[in-house]
Amino acid sequence: METRRCKLVDNDADFQTCVDIRLKVFVEEQSVPEDMELDEFETVSKHFLVTVNGKGITTGRLRPYGSFVKFERIATLLEERGKGTGRVLMECMMDYAERHYPDHLPMMHAQISALGFYEKLGWMPVGDEFDEAGITHLVMIHVPKSEARLQNLLIWKGTDAEPEIVEALKQRRL
């Protein structure tokens, strides 16, 4: 039986495993330049790693971004896709974000090819497509389940928010 485990990265070896996964997925597979993949946010982000029987398979990171908590660098090794580790990662990261950033709206820049995966997890696309590192993306947000939390998010001034997200929340088009 496979043992899947998601954890917050707290040591150099696990961080290096996360970097190795990202380099394989984004740099080798998708031709993202390495200097774009590894950036100035590495040290301020919280990194997560999903292991299967002790082997690193899936990774992601999150960080505060104005009124948001931004989910980034979600990557699963090619041979391991479709086996549920992405869901394990996202549920783990969402749980962490809800506990540590309760007043921040979860958001991400999602690759178009992964929209269906994120939509199954409750994420919603907002705004128009855009190019990032030569790959088409959409902004996605995860709308709070509680009405009270949604109302708190609507109080924003919007000065540090992506305008299409604030407008969508105000108009309740979500």
N, C-alpha and C. Protein backbone atom coordinates (compact mmCIF):
# COMPACT_ATOMS: atom_id res chain seq x y z
N MET A 1 0.83 -1.19 0.00
CA MET A 1 0.00 0.00 0.00
C MET A 1 0.87 1.25 0.00
N GLU A 2 0.52 2.20 -0.86
CA GLU A 2 1.28 3.44 -0.94
C GLU A 2 0.90 4.38 0.21
N THR A 3 1.92 4.98 0.79
CA THR A 3 1.70 5.97 1.85
C THR A 3 2.01 7.35 1.30
N ARG A 4 0.95 8.17 1.19
CA ARG A 4 1.12 9.55 0.72
C ARG A 4 1.18 10.46 1.93
N ARG A 5 2.13 11.37 1.89
CA ARG A 5 2.28 12.29 3.00
C ARG A 5 2.62 13.67 2.47
N CYS A 6 1.90 14.67 2.95
CA CYS A 6 2.20 16.06 2.59
C CYS A 6 2.76 16.74 3.82
N LYS A 7 3.82 17.50 3.60
CA LYS A 7 4.40 18.20 4.74
C LYS A 7 4.90 19.57 4.33
N LEU A 8 4.93 20.44 5.32
CA LEU A 8 5.57 21.74 5.18
C LEU A 8 7.07 21.49 5.22
N VAL A 9 7.78 22.00 4.24
CA VAL A 9 9.22 21.77 4.15
C VAL A 9 9.93 22.56 5.25
N ASP A 10 10.78 21.84 6.00
CA ASP A 10 11.48 22.49 7.10
C ASP A 10 12.97 22.15 7.14
N ASN A 11 13.49 21.62 6.01
CA ASN A 11 14.92 21.32 5.99
C ASN A 11 15.46 21.45 4.56
N ASP A 12 16.76 21.57 4.45
CA ASP A 12 17.40 21.80 3.15
C ASP A 12 17.21 20.64 2.18
N ALA A 13 17.24 19.42 2.67
CA ALA A 13 17.10 18.26 1.79
C ALA A 13 15.73 18.24 1.13
N ASP A 14 14.68 18.48 1.91
CA ASP A 14 13.33 18.50 1.33
C ASP A 14 13.15 19.68 0.39
N PHE A 15 13.73 20.83 0.74
CA PHE A 15 13.66 21.98 -0.17
C PHE A 15 14.34 21.64 -1.49
N GLN A 16 15.48 20.98 -1.45
CA GLN A 16 16.17 20.60 -2.69
C GLN A 16 15.33 19.63 -3.51
N THR A 17 14.61 18.73 -2.84
CA THR A 17 13.72 17.82 -3.57
C THR A 17 12.64 18.62 -4.29
N CYS A 18 12.08 19.64 -3.63
CA CYS A 18 11.08 20.51 -4.26
C CYS A 18 11.67 21.18 -5.49
N VAL A 19 12.87 21.73 -5.36
CA VAL A 19 13.53 22.40 -6.48
C VAL A 19 13.76 21.41 -7.62
N ASP A 20 14.21 20.21 -7.30
CA ASP A 20 14.46 19.20 -8.34
C ASP A 20 13.18 18.86 -9.11
N ILE A 21 12.07 18.72 -8.40
CA ILE A 21 10.78 18.43 -9.05
C ILE A 21 10.41 19.59 -9.97
N ARG A 22 10.53 20.80 -9.48
CA ARG A 22 10.18 21.97 -10.28
C ARG A 22 11.06 22.10 -11.52
N LEU A 23 12.36 21.84 -11.37
CA LEU A 23 13.25 21.91 -12.52
C LEU A 23 12.86 20.88 -13.57
N LYS A 24 12.52 19.66 -13.15
CA LYS A 24 12.10 18.63 -14.11
C LYS A 24 10.82 19.04 -14.83
N VAL A 25 9.84 19.51 -14.07
CA VAL A 25 8.54 19.83 -14.65
C VAL A 25 8.59 21.12 -15.47
N PHE A 26 9.03 22.19 -14.86
CA PHE A 26 8.93 23.49 -15.53
C PHE A 26 10.08 23.76 -16.50
N VAL A 27 11.30 23.48 -16.11
CA VAL A 27 12.44 23.80 -16.97
C VAL A 27 12.62 22.75 -18.06
N GLU A 28 12.70 21.46 -17.67
CA GLU A 28 12.94 20.41 -18.66
C GLU A 28 11.72 20.15 -19.54
N GLU A 29 10.54 19.94 -18.94
CA GLU A 29 9.34 19.61 -19.72
C GLU A 29 8.76 20.81 -20.45
N GLN A 30 8.65 21.96 -19.74
CA GLN A 30 7.90 23.08 -20.28
C GLN A 30 8.77 24.22 -20.79
N SER A 31 10.07 24.05 -20.74
CA SER A 31 11.04 25.02 -21.28
C SER A 31 10.96 26.41 -20.64
N VAL A 32 10.59 26.46 -19.36
CA VAL A 32 10.64 27.72 -18.62
C VAL A 32 12.11 28.00 -18.31
N PRO A 33 12.58 29.21 -18.55
CA PRO A 33 13.98 29.51 -18.20
C PRO A 33 14.22 29.32 -16.70
N GLU A 34 15.35 28.71 -16.38
CA GLU A 34 15.64 28.41 -14.97
C GLU A 34 15.67 29.67 -14.11
N ASP A 35 16.15 30.78 -14.66
CA ASP A 35 16.21 32.01 -13.85
C ASP A 35 14.82 32.58 -13.58
N MET A 36 13.81 32.16 -14.34
CA MET A 36 12.43 32.56 -14.05
C MET A 36 11.80 31.61 -13.04
N GLU A 37 12.21 30.36 -13.09
CA GLU A 37 11.62 29.36 -12.20
C GLU A 37 12.07 29.55 -10.75
N LEU A 38 13.33 29.76 -10.56
CA LEU A 38 13.87 29.99 -9.22
C LEU A 38 14.01 31.50 -9.05
N ASP A 39 13.26 32.04 -8.10
CA ASP A 39 13.18 33.50 -8.01
C ASP A 39 13.42 34.02 -6.60
N GLU A 40 13.21 35.31 -6.44
CA GLU A 40 13.47 35.98 -5.16
C GLU A 40 12.47 35.61 -4.07
N PHE A 41 11.42 34.88 -4.41
CA PHE A 41 10.41 34.52 -3.41
C PHE A 41 10.66 33.18 -2.74
N GLU A 42 11.74 32.51 -3.09
CA GLU A 42 12.02 31.20 -2.49
C GLU A 42 12.10 31.27 -0.97
N THR A 43 12.77 32.28 -0.45
CA THR A 43 12.99 32.35 1.00
C THR A 43 11.79 32.87 1.78
N VAL A 44 10.86 33.56 1.12
CA VAL A 44 9.68 34.08 1.83
C VAL A 44 8.46 33.20 1.65
N SER A 45 8.57 32.18 0.84
CA SER A 45 7.45 31.27 0.58
C SER A 45 7.48 30.08 1.53
N LYS A 46 6.32 29.50 1.75
CA LYS A 46 6.19 28.24 2.47
C LYS A 46 6.12 27.15 1.41
N HIS A 47 7.04 26.21 1.47
CA HIS A 47 7.13 25.14 0.48
C HIS A 47 6.51 23.86 1.05
N PHE A 48 5.86 23.10 0.19
CA PHE A 48 5.21 21.86 0.58
C PHE A 48 5.70 20.74 -0.33
N LEU A 49 5.75 19.54 0.24
CA LEU A 49 6.21 18.38 -0.50
C LEU A 49 5.32 17.19 -0.20
N VAL A 50 4.86 16.51 -1.25
CA VAL A 50 4.12 15.26 -1.08
C VAL A 50 5.07 14.13 -1.44
N THR A 51 5.15 13.17 -0.53
CA THR A 51 5.96 11.99 -0.78
C THR A 51 5.05 10.77 -0.89
N VAL A 52 5.49 9.82 -1.68
CA VAL A 52 4.84 8.52 -1.77
C VAL A 52 5.89 7.50 -1.40
N ASN A 53 5.63 6.80 -0.30
CA ASN A 53 6.60 5.85 0.23
C ASN A 53 7.98 6.48 0.39
N GLY A 54 7.99 7.74 0.82
CA GLY A 54 9.24 8.44 1.10
C GLY A 54 9.88 9.16 -0.07
N LYS A 55 9.35 8.99 -1.29
CA LYS A 55 9.94 9.64 -2.47
C LYS A 55 9.15 10.91 -2.79
N GLY A 56 9.86 12.03 -2.99
CA GLY A 56 9.22 13.28 -3.36
C GLY A 56 8.61 13.20 -4.74
N ILE A 57 7.31 13.54 -4.84
CA ILE A 57 6.55 13.40 -6.08
C ILE A 57 5.95 14.73 -6.54
N THR A 58 5.41 15.49 -5.59
CA THR A 58 4.64 16.69 -5.89
C THR A 58 5.06 17.81 -4.95
N THR A 59 5.09 19.04 -5.48
CA THR A 59 5.48 20.18 -4.65
C THR A 59 4.66 21.41 -5.01
N GLY A 60 4.68 22.36 -4.12
CA GLY A 60 4.05 23.66 -4.34
C GLY A 60 4.51 24.61 -3.25
N ARG A 61 4.23 25.87 -3.46
CA ARG A 61 4.57 26.86 -2.45
C ARG A 61 3.45 27.88 -2.35
N LEU A 62 3.41 28.58 -1.22
CA LEU A 62 2.47 29.68 -1.08
C LEU A 62 3.13 30.80 -0.31
N ARG A 63 2.56 32.00 -0.53
CA ARG A 63 3.10 33.19 0.14
C ARG A 63 2.03 34.26 0.17
N PRO A 64 2.09 35.12 1.19
CA PRO A 64 1.18 36.26 1.21
C PRO A 64 1.49 37.18 0.03
N TYR A 65 0.44 37.74 -0.54
CA TYR A 65 0.57 38.62 -1.70
C TYR A 65 -0.54 39.66 -1.57
N GLY A 66 -0.24 40.72 -0.84
CA GLY A 66 -1.26 41.73 -0.56
C GLY A 66 -2.40 41.12 0.23
N SER A 67 -3.62 41.22 -0.27
CA SER A 67 -4.80 40.65 0.39
C SER A 67 -4.99 39.18 0.06
N PHE A 68 -4.07 38.62 -0.67
CA PHE A 68 -4.17 37.23 -1.12
C PHE A 68 -3.12 36.36 -0.45
N VAL A 69 -3.36 35.05 -0.53
CA VAL A 69 -2.31 34.08 -0.29
C VAL A 69 -2.16 33.38 -1.64
N LYS A 70 -0.98 33.51 -2.24
CA LYS A 70 -0.77 33.05 -3.62
C LYS A 70 -0.17 31.65 -3.63
N PHE A 71 -0.85 30.76 -4.33
CA PHE A 71 -0.40 29.38 -4.54
C PHE A 71 0.44 29.39 -5.81
N GLU A 72 1.64 28.81 -5.72
CA GLU A 72 2.56 28.88 -6.85
C GLU A 72 3.35 27.59 -7.00
N ARG A 73 3.93 27.44 -8.17
CA ARG A 73 4.91 26.39 -8.46
C ARG A 73 4.37 25.00 -8.11
N ILE A 74 3.10 24.76 -8.43
CA ILE A 74 2.49 23.45 -8.20
C ILE A 74 3.01 22.52 -9.30
N ALA A 75 3.67 21.44 -8.91
CA ALA A 75 4.29 20.56 -9.89
C ALA A 75 4.29 19.11 -9.41
N THR A 76 3.96 18.22 -10.32
CA THR A 76 4.00 16.78 -10.06
C THR A 76 4.84 16.13 -11.16
N LEU A 77 5.71 15.23 -10.76
CA LEU A 77 6.53 14.51 -11.74
C LEU A 77 5.63 13.83 -12.77
N LEU A 78 6.04 13.86 -14.03
CA LEU A 78 5.23 13.36 -15.14
C LEU A 78 4.70 11.95 -14.90
N GLU A 79 5.56 11.04 -14.47
CA GLU A 79 5.16 9.64 -14.32
C GLU A 79 4.21 9.43 -13.14
N GLU A 80 4.02 10.45 -12.31
CA GLU A 80 3.16 10.32 -11.13
C GLU A 80 1.84 11.07 -11.26
N ARG A 81 1.62 11.75 -12.37
CA ARG A 81 0.38 12.51 -12.54
C ARG A 81 -0.82 11.59 -12.67
N GLY A 82 -1.95 12.08 -12.17
CA GLY A 82 -3.19 11.31 -12.25
C GLY A 82 -3.35 10.28 -11.14
N LYS A 83 -2.49 10.32 -10.15
CA LYS A 83 -2.53 9.32 -9.07
C LYS A 83 -2.99 9.91 -7.73
N GLY A 84 -3.41 11.18 -7.74
CA GLY A 84 -3.98 11.77 -6.54
C GLY A 84 -3.05 12.60 -5.68
N THR A 85 -1.77 12.68 -6.04
CA THR A 85 -0.87 13.45 -5.17
C THR A 85 -1.09 14.95 -5.30
N GLY A 86 -1.55 15.41 -6.46
CA GLY A 86 -1.86 16.82 -6.64
C GLY A 86 -2.99 17.25 -5.71
N ARG A 87 -4.01 16.41 -5.61
CA ARG A 87 -5.13 16.70 -4.70
C ARG A 87 -4.64 16.72 -3.25
N VAL A 88 -3.81 15.76 -2.88
CA VAL A 88 -3.26 15.72 -1.52
C VAL A 88 -2.52 17.02 -1.24
N LEU A 89 -1.69 17.46 -2.18
CA LEU A 89 -0.94 18.70 -2.01
C LEU A 89 -1.87 19.89 -1.83
N MET A 90 -2.83 20.03 -2.73
CA MET A 90 -3.70 21.20 -2.68
C MET A 90 -4.54 21.23 -1.40
N GLU A 91 -5.02 20.09 -0.95
CA GLU A 91 -5.79 20.05 0.29
C GLU A 91 -4.91 20.43 1.48
N CYS A 92 -3.67 19.97 1.47
CA CYS A 92 -2.72 20.30 2.53
C CYS A 92 -2.41 21.80 2.53
N MET A 93 -2.15 22.34 1.37
CA MET A 93 -1.84 23.77 1.25
C MET A 93 -3.04 24.63 1.63
N MET A 94 -4.24 24.21 1.21
CA MET A 94 -5.46 24.96 1.55
C MET A 94 -5.66 24.96 3.06
N ASP A 95 -5.47 23.82 3.69
CA ASP A 95 -5.61 23.73 5.13
C ASP A 95 -4.63 24.69 5.82
N TYR A 96 -3.40 24.69 5.37
CA TYR A 96 -2.38 25.58 5.94
C TYR A 96 -2.79 27.04 5.73
N ALA A 97 -3.20 27.37 4.52
CA ALA A 97 -3.58 28.75 4.21
C ALA A 97 -4.76 29.22 5.07
N GLU A 98 -5.75 28.36 5.25
CA GLU A 98 -6.91 28.73 6.07
C GLU A 98 -6.52 28.98 7.52
N ARG A 99 -5.58 28.19 8.03
CA ARG A 99 -5.15 28.35 9.43
C ARG A 99 -4.21 29.54 9.63
N HIS A 100 -3.31 29.77 8.69
CA HIS A 100 -2.28 30.78 8.86
C HIS A 100 -2.56 32.12 8.18
N TYR A 101 -3.44 32.13 7.19
CA TYR A 101 -3.79 33.35 6.46
C TYR A 101 -5.32 33.45 6.33
N PRO A 102 -6.04 33.45 7.44
CA PRO A 102 -7.51 33.40 7.37
C PRO A 102 -8.15 34.62 6.71
N ASP A 103 -7.46 35.74 6.67
CA ASP A 103 -8.03 36.95 6.07
C ASP A 103 -7.54 37.19 4.65
N HIS A 104 -6.87 36.23 4.07
CA HIS A 104 -6.34 36.33 2.71
C HIS A 104 -7.15 35.42 1.78
N LEU A 105 -7.42 35.91 0.59
CA LEU A 105 -8.13 35.11 -0.41
C LEU A 105 -7.11 34.26 -1.18
N PRO A 106 -7.31 32.94 -1.23
CA PRO A 106 -6.40 32.10 -2.02
C PRO A 106 -6.52 32.42 -3.51
N MET A 107 -5.38 32.60 -4.17
CA MET A 107 -5.35 32.86 -5.61
C MET A 107 -4.12 32.23 -6.21
N MET A 108 -4.16 32.09 -7.54
CA MET A 108 -3.02 31.56 -8.27
C MET A 108 -3.07 32.01 -9.72
N HIS A 109 -1.95 31.87 -10.38
CA HIS A 109 -1.87 31.98 -11.83
C HIS A 109 -1.77 30.53 -12.31
N ALA A 110 -2.86 30.02 -12.89
CA ALA A 110 -2.91 28.61 -13.27
C ALA A 110 -2.71 28.44 -14.78
N GLN A 111 -1.94 27.43 -15.13
CA GLN A 111 -1.79 27.10 -16.54
C GLN A 111 -3.14 26.61 -17.07
N ILE A 112 -3.47 27.02 -18.28
CA ILE A 112 -4.74 26.64 -18.90
C ILE A 112 -4.91 25.11 -18.90
N SER A 113 -3.83 24.39 -19.12
CA SER A 113 -3.92 22.93 -19.19
C SER A 113 -4.33 22.30 -17.87
N ALA A 114 -4.22 23.03 -16.76
CA ALA A 114 -4.55 22.48 -15.45
C ALA A 114 -5.87 23.01 -14.89
N LEU A 115 -6.61 23.81 -15.67
CA LEU A 115 -7.85 24.41 -15.16
C LEU A 115 -8.83 23.38 -14.63
N GLY A 116 -9.05 22.31 -15.36
CA GLY A 116 -10.00 21.29 -14.93
C GLY A 116 -9.65 20.69 -13.58
N PHE A 117 -8.38 20.45 -13.35
CA PHE A 117 -7.92 19.92 -12.07
C PHE A 117 -8.28 20.88 -10.94
N TYR A 118 -7.95 22.15 -11.12
CA TYR A 118 -8.22 23.12 -10.07
C TYR A 118 -9.72 23.37 -9.88
N GLU A 119 -10.46 23.38 -10.96
CA GLU A 119 -11.92 23.59 -10.84
C GLU A 119 -12.57 22.48 -10.02
N LYS A 120 -12.10 21.25 -10.15
CA LYS A 120 -12.64 20.14 -9.35
C LYS A 120 -12.38 20.35 -7.86
N LEU A 121 -11.39 21.17 -7.53
CA LEU A 121 -11.05 21.44 -6.14
C LEU A 121 -11.69 22.73 -5.62
N GLY A 122 -12.57 23.32 -6.43
CA GLY A 122 -13.30 24.51 -5.99
C GLY A 122 -12.70 25.84 -6.41
N TRP A 123 -11.67 25.82 -7.25
CA TRP A 123 -11.06 27.05 -7.73
C TRP A 123 -11.84 27.55 -8.93
N MET A 124 -11.89 28.89 -9.10
CA MET A 124 -12.65 29.49 -10.19
C MET A 124 -11.76 30.46 -10.98
N PRO A 125 -11.84 30.38 -12.32
CA PRO A 125 -11.06 31.32 -13.14
C PRO A 125 -11.69 32.71 -13.11
N VAL A 126 -10.83 33.73 -13.17
CA VAL A 126 -11.27 35.11 -13.14
C VAL A 126 -10.44 35.89 -14.15
N GLY A 127 -11.09 36.70 -14.97
CA GLY A 127 -10.36 37.57 -15.89
C GLY A 127 -9.99 36.89 -17.19
N ASP A 128 -9.05 37.50 -17.87
CA ASP A 128 -8.63 37.06 -19.21
C ASP A 128 -7.34 36.26 -19.15
N GLU A 129 -7.14 35.47 -20.19
CA GLU A 129 -5.90 34.70 -20.31
C GLU A 129 -4.72 35.65 -20.47
N PHE A 130 -3.54 35.20 -20.00
CA PHE A 130 -2.32 35.97 -20.17
C PHE A 130 -1.15 35.01 -20.30
N ASP A 131 -0.05 35.53 -20.81
CA ASP A 131 1.16 34.74 -21.00
C ASP A 131 2.10 34.94 -19.82
N GLU A 132 2.62 33.82 -19.32
CA GLU A 132 3.63 33.87 -18.27
C GLU A 132 4.65 32.80 -18.62
N ALA A 133 5.87 33.19 -18.86
CA ALA A 133 6.96 32.27 -19.22
C ALA A 133 6.64 31.47 -20.48
N GLY A 134 5.90 32.10 -21.41
CA GLY A 134 5.56 31.43 -22.66
C GLY A 134 4.42 30.43 -22.55
N ILE A 135 3.71 30.42 -21.43
CA ILE A 135 2.61 29.48 -21.19
C ILE A 135 1.36 30.29 -20.87
N THR A 136 0.22 29.91 -21.46
CA THR A 136 -1.03 30.61 -21.22
C THR A 136 -1.58 30.28 -19.84
N HIS A 137 -1.93 31.33 -19.10
CA HIS A 137 -2.43 31.21 -17.72
C HIS A 137 -3.75 31.97 -17.56
N LEU A 138 -4.42 31.69 -16.46
CA LEU A 138 -5.57 32.45 -15.99
C LEU A 138 -5.41 32.64 -14.49
N VAL A 139 -5.88 33.77 -13.97
CA VAL A 139 -5.96 33.94 -12.53
C VAL A 139 -7.09 33.06 -12.04
N MET A 140 -6.87 32.37 -10.94
CA MET A 140 -7.92 31.57 -10.31
C MET A 140 -7.97 31.95 -8.83
N ILE A 141 -9.18 31.88 -8.27
CA ILE A 141 -9.34 32.13 -6.85
C ILE A 141 -10.14 30.98 -6.24
N HIS A 142 -9.98 30.83 -4.94
CA HIS A 142 -10.76 29.84 -4.20
C HIS A 142 -11.69 30.62 -3.28
N VAL A 143 -12.96 30.61 -3.62
CA VAL A 143 -13.95 31.40 -2.89
C VAL A 143 -14.23 30.77 -1.53
N PRO A 144 -14.23 31.58 -0.48
CA PRO A 144 -14.52 31.04 0.86
C PRO A 144 -15.90 30.41 0.93
N LYS A 145 -16.00 29.36 1.73
CA LYS A 145 -17.28 28.67 1.90
C LYS A 145 -18.20 29.43 2.83
N SER A 146 -17.63 30.14 3.79
CA SER A 146 -18.49 30.83 4.76
C SER A 146 -18.85 32.23 4.27
N GLU A 147 -20.11 32.59 4.42
CA GLU A 147 -20.60 33.91 4.03
C GLU A 147 -19.87 35.00 4.80
N ALA A 148 -19.59 34.78 6.10
CA ALA A 148 -18.92 35.79 6.92
C ALA A 148 -17.52 36.06 6.38
N ARG A 149 -16.81 35.01 6.02
CA ARG A 149 -15.45 35.20 5.49
C ARG A 149 -15.50 35.91 4.15
N LEU A 150 -16.48 35.58 3.32
CA LEU A 150 -16.62 36.26 2.03
C LEU A 150 -16.89 37.75 2.26
N GLN A 151 -17.75 38.07 3.21
CA GLN A 151 -18.05 39.48 3.51
C GLN A 151 -16.80 40.22 3.98
N ASN A 152 -15.98 39.58 4.80
CA ASN A 152 -14.73 40.21 5.24
C ASN A 152 -13.83 40.53 4.05
N LEU A 153 -13.78 39.64 3.08
CA LEU A 153 -12.94 39.87 1.91
C LEU A 153 -13.47 40.99 1.04
N LEU A 154 -14.79 41.20 1.05
CA LEU A 154 -15.39 42.25 0.24
C LEU A 154 -15.11 43.65 0.80
N ILE A 155 -14.63 43.73 2.02
CA ILE A 155 -14.34 45.02 2.66
C ILE A 155 -13.04 45.63 2.14
N TRP A 156 -12.24 44.85 1.44
CA TRP A 156 -10.96 45.36 0.93
C TRP A 156 -11.11 46.71 0.26
N LYS A 157 -10.04 47.47 0.35
CA LYS A 157 -9.98 48.72 -0.43
C LYS A 157 -9.63 48.39 -1.88
N GLY A 158 -8.97 47.28 -2.08
CA GLY A 158 -8.64 46.85 -3.43
C GLY A 158 -7.34 47.43 -3.97
N THR A 159 -6.63 48.19 -3.18
CA THR A 159 -5.42 48.83 -3.69
C THR A 159 -4.31 47.85 -4.00
N ASP A 160 -4.31 46.71 -3.32
CA ASP A 160 -3.25 45.73 -3.57
C ASP A 160 -3.81 44.46 -4.20
N ALA A 161 -5.04 44.53 -4.67
CA ALA A 161 -5.69 43.36 -5.24
C ALA A 161 -5.72 43.46 -6.76
N GLU A 162 -5.75 42.31 -7.40
CA GLU A 162 -5.92 42.31 -8.84
C GLU A 162 -7.36 42.73 -9.11
N PRO A 163 -7.59 43.79 -9.88
CA PRO A 163 -8.92 44.40 -10.01
C PRO A 163 -10.01 43.43 -10.44
N GLU A 164 -9.69 42.49 -11.32
CA GLU A 164 -10.73 41.57 -11.79
C GLU A 164 -11.25 40.68 -10.67
N ILE A 165 -10.40 40.39 -9.69
CA ILE A 165 -10.83 39.55 -8.57
C ILE A 165 -11.77 40.34 -7.66
N VAL A 166 -11.38 41.56 -7.32
CA VAL A 166 -12.22 42.38 -6.46
C VAL A 166 -13.58 42.61 -7.12
N GLU A 167 -13.57 42.92 -8.40
CA GLU A 167 -14.82 43.17 -9.12
C GLU A 167 -15.70 41.93 -9.14
N ALA A 168 -15.11 40.77 -9.38
CA ALA A 168 -15.89 39.53 -9.40
C ALA A 168 -16.51 39.25 -8.04
N LEU A 169 -15.75 39.49 -6.98
CA LEU A 169 -16.31 39.28 -5.65
C LEU A 169 -17.44 40.27 -5.37
N LYS A 170 -17.26 41.53 -5.74
CA LYS A 170 -18.29 42.53 -5.49
C LYS A 170 -19.58 42.20 -6.25
N GLN A 171 -19.43 41.73 -7.46
CA GLN A 171 -20.61 41.43 -8.27
C GLN A 171 -21.15 40.03 -8.01
N ARG A 172 -20.44 39.29 -7.14
CA ARG A 172 -20.85 37.93 -6.80
C ARG A 172 -21.05 37.08 -8.06
N ARG A 173 -20.17 37.28 -9.01
CA ARG A 173 -20.23 36.47 -10.23
C ARG A 173 -19.62 35.10 -10.00
N LEU A 174 -19.24 34.83 -8.80
CA LEU A 174 -18.58 33.57 -8.51
C LEU A 174 -19.60 32.63 -7.98
